[in-house]
Amino acid sequence: MARDKLRSALDDLEATGLLQSKNRMDIDDFLDPPEESWMTEVSTDEDICQAVLAAHNKQEGGASGDDDVEGDAPEPYPTYREVIQAASVMNRHVGCVDSPGAHRFEVALALFVNEVRSGRSQALTTSHITDYFCCK
């Protein structure tokens, strides 16, 4: 069922020209990439069970019993200010380079910054000065 839907979607993309037949890959390779197949050869059922239990305990805030893995905590997303600062640094550098790639990157970076600013402004809520005063 899901494979048929995926094949149909890929056929539609190919028909519209968004996907070239030479870039198409077999669905089995897509769902189970060869570079990841080594994990099934070296992992036992016990290893998989322990990893699932450790992840579950970690989500629940409990001890996983296997604390030898460090650095698994996801890195926090950059703040709005950090993103704009990084874009500013890249824009200053690209402004010194005179090449077609640099010009395309400059345009793409400007579009990205505009999207970030637009998204941030849409997330803001309207407040009135009287919201900050309370009656006693």
N, C-alpha and C. Protein backbone atom coordinates (compact mmCIF):
# COMPACT_ATOMS: atom_id res chain seq x y z
N MET A 1 0.84 -1.19 0.00
CA MET A 1 0.00 0.00 0.00
C MET A 1 0.88 1.26 0.00
N ALA A 2 1.77 1.36 1.00
CA ALA A 2 2.64 2.54 1.08
C ALA A 2 3.63 2.54 -0.07
N ARG A 3 4.12 1.36 -0.44
CA ARG A 3 5.06 1.28 -1.57
C ARG A 3 4.38 1.72 -2.86
N ASP A 4 3.13 1.33 -3.05
CA ASP A 4 2.39 1.72 -4.25
C ASP A 4 2.19 3.22 -4.31
N LYS A 5 1.87 3.82 -3.16
CA LYS A 5 1.68 5.27 -3.10
C LYS A 5 3.00 5.99 -3.41
N LEU A 6 4.09 5.45 -2.87
CA LEU A 6 5.40 6.05 -3.11
C LEU A 6 5.78 5.93 -4.58
N ARG A 7 5.56 4.75 -5.17
CA ARG A 7 5.84 4.57 -6.60
C ARG A 7 5.00 5.53 -7.44
N SER A 8 3.73 5.68 -7.09
CA SER A 8 2.85 6.59 -7.82
C SER A 8 3.34 8.03 -7.72
N ALA A 9 3.75 8.43 -6.52
CA ALA A 9 4.25 9.80 -6.34
C ALA A 9 5.53 10.01 -7.14
N LEU A 10 6.41 9.03 -7.15
CA LEU A 10 7.64 9.15 -7.92
C LEU A 10 7.34 9.20 -9.42
N ASP A 11 6.38 8.40 -9.86
CA ASP A 11 5.98 8.44 -11.27
C ASP A 11 5.44 9.81 -11.66
N ASP A 12 4.65 10.40 -10.77
CA ASP A 12 4.10 11.74 -11.02
C ASP A 12 5.22 12.78 -11.11
N LEU A 13 6.20 12.69 -10.21
CA LEU A 13 7.33 13.62 -10.24
C LEU A 13 8.14 13.45 -11.52
N GLU A 14 8.30 12.22 -11.94
CA GLU A 14 9.04 11.97 -13.17
C GLU A 14 8.27 12.50 -14.38
N ALA A 15 6.95 12.34 -14.37
CA ALA A 15 6.13 12.81 -15.49
C ALA A 15 6.17 14.33 -15.62
N THR A 16 6.27 15.03 -14.48
CA THR A 16 6.31 16.50 -14.54
C THR A 16 7.70 17.03 -14.82
N GLY A 17 8.70 16.15 -14.79
CA GLY A 17 10.07 16.57 -15.07
C GLY A 17 10.85 16.98 -13.85
N LEU A 18 10.25 16.92 -12.66
CA LEU A 18 10.96 17.27 -11.44
C LEU A 18 11.95 16.19 -11.01
N LEU A 19 11.70 14.98 -11.46
CA LEU A 19 12.58 13.85 -11.13
C LEU A 19 13.00 13.21 -12.44
N GLN A 20 14.30 13.07 -12.61
CA GLN A 20 14.81 12.44 -13.82
C GLN A 20 14.96 10.95 -13.56
N SER A 21 14.68 10.15 -14.56
CA SER A 21 14.72 8.70 -14.37
C SER A 21 16.10 8.21 -13.98
N LYS A 22 17.16 8.89 -14.40
CA LYS A 22 18.52 8.47 -14.03
C LYS A 22 18.81 8.73 -12.55
N ASN A 23 18.06 9.65 -11.92
CA ASN A 23 18.24 9.94 -10.50
C ASN A 23 17.33 9.11 -9.60
N ARG A 24 16.48 8.33 -10.19
CA ARG A 24 15.53 7.54 -9.42
C ARG A 24 16.24 6.34 -8.82
N MET A 25 15.86 5.98 -7.61
CA MET A 25 16.45 4.82 -6.95
C MET A 25 15.37 3.82 -6.61
N ASP A 26 15.78 2.60 -6.41
CA ASP A 26 14.85 1.55 -6.06
C ASP A 26 14.23 1.83 -4.69
N ILE A 27 12.95 1.55 -4.55
CA ILE A 27 12.25 1.82 -3.29
C ILE A 27 12.87 1.05 -2.13
N ASP A 28 13.31 -0.19 -2.39
CA ASP A 28 13.93 -0.97 -1.32
C ASP A 28 15.23 -0.31 -0.85
N ASP A 29 16.01 0.25 -1.78
CA ASP A 29 17.23 0.96 -1.40
C ASP A 29 16.91 2.24 -0.64
N PHE A 30 15.79 2.86 -1.00
CA PHE A 30 15.37 4.09 -0.32
C PHE A 30 14.93 3.79 1.12
N LEU A 31 14.14 2.71 1.28
CA LEU A 31 13.64 2.38 2.60
C LEU A 31 14.70 1.73 3.49
N ASP A 32 15.62 1.00 2.89
CA ASP A 32 16.69 0.32 3.63
C ASP A 32 18.01 0.58 2.92
N PRO A 33 18.61 1.77 3.11
CA PRO A 33 19.83 2.12 2.38
C PRO A 33 20.96 1.13 2.67
N PRO A 34 21.74 0.78 1.65
CA PRO A 34 22.84 -0.17 1.84
C PRO A 34 23.85 0.27 2.88
N GLU A 35 24.08 1.59 3.00
CA GLU A 35 25.08 2.06 3.98
C GLU A 35 24.60 1.88 5.42
N GLU A 36 23.30 1.63 5.61
CA GLU A 36 22.78 1.38 6.95
C GLU A 36 22.55 -0.10 7.22
N SER A 37 22.70 -0.93 6.21
CA SER A 37 22.41 -2.35 6.39
C SER A 37 23.41 -3.05 7.29
N TRP A 38 24.60 -2.49 7.46
CA TRP A 38 25.60 -3.12 8.34
C TRP A 38 25.12 -3.18 9.78
N MET A 39 24.22 -2.24 10.15
CA MET A 39 23.76 -2.21 11.54
C MET A 39 22.97 -3.48 11.89
N THR A 40 22.23 -4.00 10.93
CA THR A 40 21.46 -5.20 11.22
C THR A 40 22.36 -6.42 11.35
N GLU A 41 23.54 -6.36 10.75
CA GLU A 41 24.46 -7.49 10.84
C GLU A 41 25.19 -7.52 12.17
N VAL A 42 25.48 -6.35 12.76
CA VAL A 42 26.25 -6.31 14.00
C VAL A 42 25.39 -6.12 15.23
N SER A 43 24.13 -5.78 15.05
CA SER A 43 23.24 -5.56 16.19
C SER A 43 22.43 -6.81 16.48
N THR A 44 22.40 -7.18 17.74
CA THR A 44 21.58 -8.31 18.14
C THR A 44 20.24 -7.78 18.65
N ASP A 45 19.30 -8.68 18.82
CA ASP A 45 18.01 -8.27 19.37
C ASP A 45 18.17 -7.65 20.75
N GLU A 46 19.09 -8.19 21.52
CA GLU A 46 19.34 -7.68 22.87
C GLU A 46 19.87 -6.24 22.81
N ASP A 47 20.80 -5.98 21.87
CA ASP A 47 21.34 -4.63 21.71
C ASP A 47 20.24 -3.64 21.35
N ILE A 48 19.38 -4.05 20.42
CA ILE A 48 18.29 -3.18 19.99
C ILE A 48 17.33 -2.91 21.15
N CYS A 49 17.01 -3.95 21.90
CA CYS A 49 16.10 -3.82 23.04
C CYS A 49 16.69 -2.87 24.09
N GLN A 50 17.97 -3.03 24.38
CA GLN A 50 18.63 -2.16 25.36
C GLN A 50 18.65 -0.70 24.88
N ALA A 51 18.89 -0.49 23.59
CA ALA A 51 18.91 0.87 23.06
C ALA A 51 17.54 1.52 23.15
N VAL A 52 16.50 0.76 22.85
CA VAL A 52 15.13 1.29 22.92
C VAL A 52 14.77 1.61 24.37
N LEU A 53 15.10 0.72 25.29
CA LEU A 53 14.81 0.96 26.70
C LEU A 53 15.58 2.17 27.22
N ALA A 54 16.84 2.31 26.82
CA ALA A 54 17.64 3.45 27.25
C ALA A 54 17.05 4.76 26.74
N ALA A 55 16.61 4.76 25.47
CA ALA A 55 16.00 5.97 24.91
C ALA A 55 14.70 6.29 25.62
N HIS A 56 13.91 5.27 25.92
CA HIS A 56 12.65 5.48 26.62
C HIS A 56 12.90 6.04 28.02
N ASN A 57 13.86 5.46 28.74
CA ASN A 57 14.18 5.95 30.08
C ASN A 57 14.70 7.38 30.04
N LYS A 58 15.46 7.69 29.02
CA LYS A 58 16.00 9.05 28.89
C LYS A 58 14.87 10.05 28.67
N GLN A 59 13.87 9.68 27.85
CA GLN A 59 12.73 10.56 27.62
C GLN A 59 11.90 10.74 28.87
N GLU A 60 11.79 9.69 29.66
CA GLU A 60 11.01 9.75 30.89
C GLU A 60 11.76 10.44 32.01
N GLY A 61 13.05 10.73 31.80
CA GLY A 61 13.83 11.40 32.82
C GLY A 61 14.46 10.46 33.81
N GLY A 62 14.36 9.18 33.57
CA GLY A 62 14.96 8.20 34.47
C GLY A 62 16.37 7.86 34.04
N ALA A 63 17.02 7.03 34.85
CA ALA A 63 18.37 6.58 34.53
C ALA A 63 18.30 5.50 33.48
N SER A 64 19.20 5.57 32.53
CA SER A 64 19.17 4.59 31.45
C SER A 64 19.95 3.34 31.81
N GLY A 65 20.80 3.43 32.80
CA GLY A 65 21.61 2.28 33.17
C GLY A 65 22.83 2.13 32.29
N ASP A 66 22.91 2.89 31.22
CA ASP A 66 24.04 2.81 30.30
C ASP A 66 24.44 4.24 29.96
N ASP A 67 25.19 4.87 30.86
CA ASP A 67 25.52 6.28 30.71
C ASP A 67 26.87 6.50 30.06
N ASP A 68 27.39 5.50 29.31
CA ASP A 68 28.68 5.67 28.70
C ASP A 68 28.61 6.45 27.39
N VAL A 69 27.42 6.79 26.93
CA VAL A 69 27.26 7.57 25.72
C VAL A 69 27.12 9.03 26.12
N GLU A 70 28.07 9.84 25.65
CA GLU A 70 28.04 11.25 25.95
C GLU A 70 27.77 12.04 24.68
N GLY A 71 27.21 13.21 24.82
CA GLY A 71 26.97 14.08 23.69
C GLY A 71 25.76 13.70 22.86
N ASP A 72 24.85 12.91 23.40
CA ASP A 72 23.65 12.54 22.67
C ASP A 72 22.58 13.61 22.73
N ALA A 73 22.73 14.57 23.63
CA ALA A 73 21.72 15.61 23.78
C ALA A 73 21.72 16.47 22.51
N PRO A 74 20.54 16.73 21.95
CA PRO A 74 20.50 17.54 20.74
C PRO A 74 20.95 18.97 21.04
N GLU A 75 21.65 19.53 20.10
CA GLU A 75 22.11 20.90 20.25
C GLU A 75 20.91 21.83 20.11
N PRO A 76 20.79 22.83 20.98
CA PRO A 76 19.63 23.73 20.89
C PRO A 76 19.68 24.53 19.58
N TYR A 77 18.48 24.87 19.10
CA TYR A 77 18.41 25.67 17.88
C TYR A 77 19.05 27.03 18.12
N PRO A 78 19.67 27.60 17.08
CA PRO A 78 20.22 28.95 17.26
C PRO A 78 19.09 29.95 17.44
N THR A 79 19.38 30.99 18.18
CA THR A 79 18.38 32.03 18.41
C THR A 79 18.23 32.88 17.15
N TYR A 80 17.17 33.64 17.11
CA TYR A 80 16.93 34.55 16.00
C TYR A 80 18.13 35.48 15.82
N ARG A 81 18.63 35.99 16.91
CA ARG A 81 19.75 36.92 16.86
C ARG A 81 21.00 36.24 16.28
N GLU A 82 21.27 35.00 16.68
CA GLU A 82 22.44 34.28 16.17
C GLU A 82 22.33 34.03 14.67
N VAL A 83 21.12 33.71 14.21
CA VAL A 83 20.91 33.47 12.78
C VAL A 83 21.17 34.75 11.99
N ILE A 84 20.62 35.86 12.45
CA ILE A 84 20.81 37.13 11.74
C ILE A 84 22.27 37.55 11.77
N GLN A 85 22.96 37.33 12.90
CA GLN A 85 24.38 37.67 12.98
C GLN A 85 25.20 36.82 12.01
N ALA A 86 24.91 35.52 11.94
CA ALA A 86 25.63 34.64 11.03
C ALA A 86 25.39 35.06 9.58
N ALA A 87 24.15 35.40 9.26
CA ALA A 87 23.83 35.85 7.91
C ALA A 87 24.57 37.15 7.58
N SER A 88 24.69 38.03 8.57
CA SER A 88 25.40 39.28 8.36
C SER A 88 26.88 39.04 8.08
N VAL A 89 27.48 38.13 8.81
CA VAL A 89 28.90 37.80 8.60
C VAL A 89 29.09 37.22 7.20
N MET A 90 28.22 36.29 6.82
CA MET A 90 28.34 35.68 5.49
C MET A 90 28.11 36.73 4.40
N ASN A 91 27.17 37.63 4.62
CA ASN A 91 26.88 38.67 3.63
C ASN A 91 28.07 39.60 3.45
N ARG A 92 28.75 39.93 4.55
CA ARG A 92 29.95 40.78 4.45
C ARG A 92 31.03 40.08 3.64
N HIS A 93 31.21 38.79 3.86
CA HIS A 93 32.24 38.05 3.12
C HIS A 93 31.87 37.93 1.64
N VAL A 94 30.63 37.60 1.36
CA VAL A 94 30.19 37.42 -0.03
C VAL A 94 30.25 38.75 -0.78
N GLY A 95 30.07 39.86 -0.07
CA GLY A 95 30.15 41.17 -0.71
C GLY A 95 31.54 41.48 -1.25
N CYS A 96 32.56 40.80 -0.74
CA CYS A 96 33.94 41.02 -1.19
C CYS A 96 34.33 40.09 -2.33
N VAL A 97 33.48 39.14 -2.66
CA VAL A 97 33.79 38.16 -3.70
C VAL A 97 32.99 38.48 -4.95
N ASP A 98 33.67 38.52 -6.08
CA ASP A 98 32.99 38.83 -7.34
C ASP A 98 32.98 37.58 -8.23
N SER A 99 31.97 36.75 -8.00
CA SER A 99 31.81 35.55 -8.81
C SER A 99 30.32 35.26 -8.94
N PRO A 100 29.93 34.54 -9.99
CA PRO A 100 28.51 34.22 -10.15
C PRO A 100 27.95 33.43 -8.97
N GLY A 101 28.73 32.49 -8.45
CA GLY A 101 28.26 31.72 -7.30
C GLY A 101 28.04 32.59 -6.08
N ALA A 102 28.94 33.54 -5.86
CA ALA A 102 28.80 34.45 -4.72
C ALA A 102 27.56 35.32 -4.88
N HIS A 103 27.29 35.76 -6.10
CA HIS A 103 26.11 36.59 -6.32
C HIS A 103 24.83 35.80 -6.10
N ARG A 104 24.81 34.54 -6.57
CA ARG A 104 23.63 33.69 -6.34
C ARG A 104 23.44 33.44 -4.84
N PHE A 105 24.55 33.20 -4.14
CA PHE A 105 24.46 32.97 -2.70
C PHE A 105 23.96 34.22 -1.99
N GLU A 106 24.41 35.37 -2.42
CA GLU A 106 23.98 36.63 -1.81
C GLU A 106 22.47 36.82 -1.96
N VAL A 107 21.95 36.50 -3.13
CA VAL A 107 20.50 36.60 -3.36
C VAL A 107 19.76 35.59 -2.49
N ALA A 108 20.25 34.34 -2.45
CA ALA A 108 19.60 33.31 -1.64
C ALA A 108 19.64 33.68 -0.16
N LEU A 109 20.75 34.23 0.29
CA LEU A 109 20.89 34.64 1.68
C LEU A 109 19.92 35.77 2.01
N ALA A 110 19.76 36.71 1.11
CA ALA A 110 18.81 37.82 1.33
C ALA A 110 17.39 37.29 1.42
N LEU A 111 17.04 36.33 0.54
CA LEU A 111 15.71 35.74 0.60
C LEU A 111 15.49 35.00 1.92
N PHE A 112 16.51 34.27 2.37
CA PHE A 112 16.41 33.54 3.63
C PHE A 112 16.22 34.49 4.80
N VAL A 113 17.01 35.55 4.85
CA VAL A 113 16.89 36.52 5.94
C VAL A 113 15.50 37.15 5.94
N ASN A 114 14.98 37.45 4.76
CA ASN A 114 13.62 38.01 4.69
C ASN A 114 12.59 37.02 5.21
N GLU A 115 12.75 35.73 4.88
CA GLU A 115 11.83 34.71 5.38
C GLU A 115 11.90 34.60 6.90
N VAL A 116 13.12 34.64 7.44
CA VAL A 116 13.29 34.55 8.89
C VAL A 116 12.63 35.74 9.57
N ARG A 117 12.87 36.92 9.03
CA ARG A 117 12.27 38.13 9.62
C ARG A 117 10.75 38.10 9.51
N SER A 118 10.25 37.66 8.37
CA SER A 118 8.81 37.58 8.18
C SER A 118 8.19 36.57 9.14
N GLY A 119 8.83 35.43 9.29
CA GLY A 119 8.34 34.41 10.22
C GLY A 119 8.34 34.90 11.65
N ARG A 120 9.37 35.64 12.00
CA ARG A 120 9.46 36.16 13.37
C ARG A 120 8.39 37.21 13.61
N SER A 121 8.18 38.07 12.61
CA SER A 121 7.17 39.12 12.82
C SER A 121 5.77 38.53 12.88
N GLN A 122 5.51 37.43 12.17
CA GLN A 122 4.21 36.78 12.24
C GLN A 122 3.99 36.10 13.58
N ALA A 123 5.09 35.70 14.24
CA ALA A 123 4.97 35.02 15.53
C ALA A 123 4.75 36.00 16.68
N LEU A 124 4.97 37.28 16.42
CA LEU A 124 4.79 38.28 17.48
C LEU A 124 3.30 38.49 17.73
N THR A 125 2.99 38.82 18.96
CA THR A 125 1.61 39.12 19.30
C THR A 125 1.47 40.61 19.62
N THR A 126 0.32 41.15 19.34
CA THR A 126 0.06 42.56 19.59
C THR A 126 -0.17 42.77 21.08
N SER A 127 0.47 43.80 21.61
CA SER A 127 0.25 44.14 23.02
C SER A 127 -0.05 45.64 23.10
N HIS A 128 -0.77 45.99 24.12
CA HIS A 128 -1.12 47.39 24.35
C HIS A 128 -0.44 47.84 25.64
N ILE A 129 -0.20 49.10 25.73
CA ILE A 129 0.49 49.62 26.90
C ILE A 129 -0.30 49.35 28.18
N THR A 130 -1.61 49.30 28.05
CA THR A 130 -2.43 49.05 29.24
C THR A 130 -2.31 47.59 29.72
N ASP A 131 -1.75 46.70 28.88
CA ASP A 131 -1.54 45.31 29.30
C ASP A 131 -0.52 45.22 30.44
N TYR A 132 0.32 46.24 30.58
CA TYR A 132 1.37 46.18 31.57
C TYR A 132 0.98 46.84 32.89
N PHE A 133 -0.22 47.32 32.98
CA PHE A 133 -0.69 47.93 34.21
C PHE A 133 -1.84 47.09 34.78
N CYS A 134 -1.89 47.02 36.05
CA CYS A 134 -3.02 46.30 36.66
C CYS A 134 -3.67 47.19 37.71
N CYS A 135 -4.94 46.95 37.93
CA CYS A 135 -5.69 47.73 38.92
C CYS A 135 -5.57 47.04 40.27
N LYS A 136 -5.43 47.83 41.33
CA LYS A 136 -5.34 47.26 42.68
C LYS A 136 -6.60 47.48 43.43
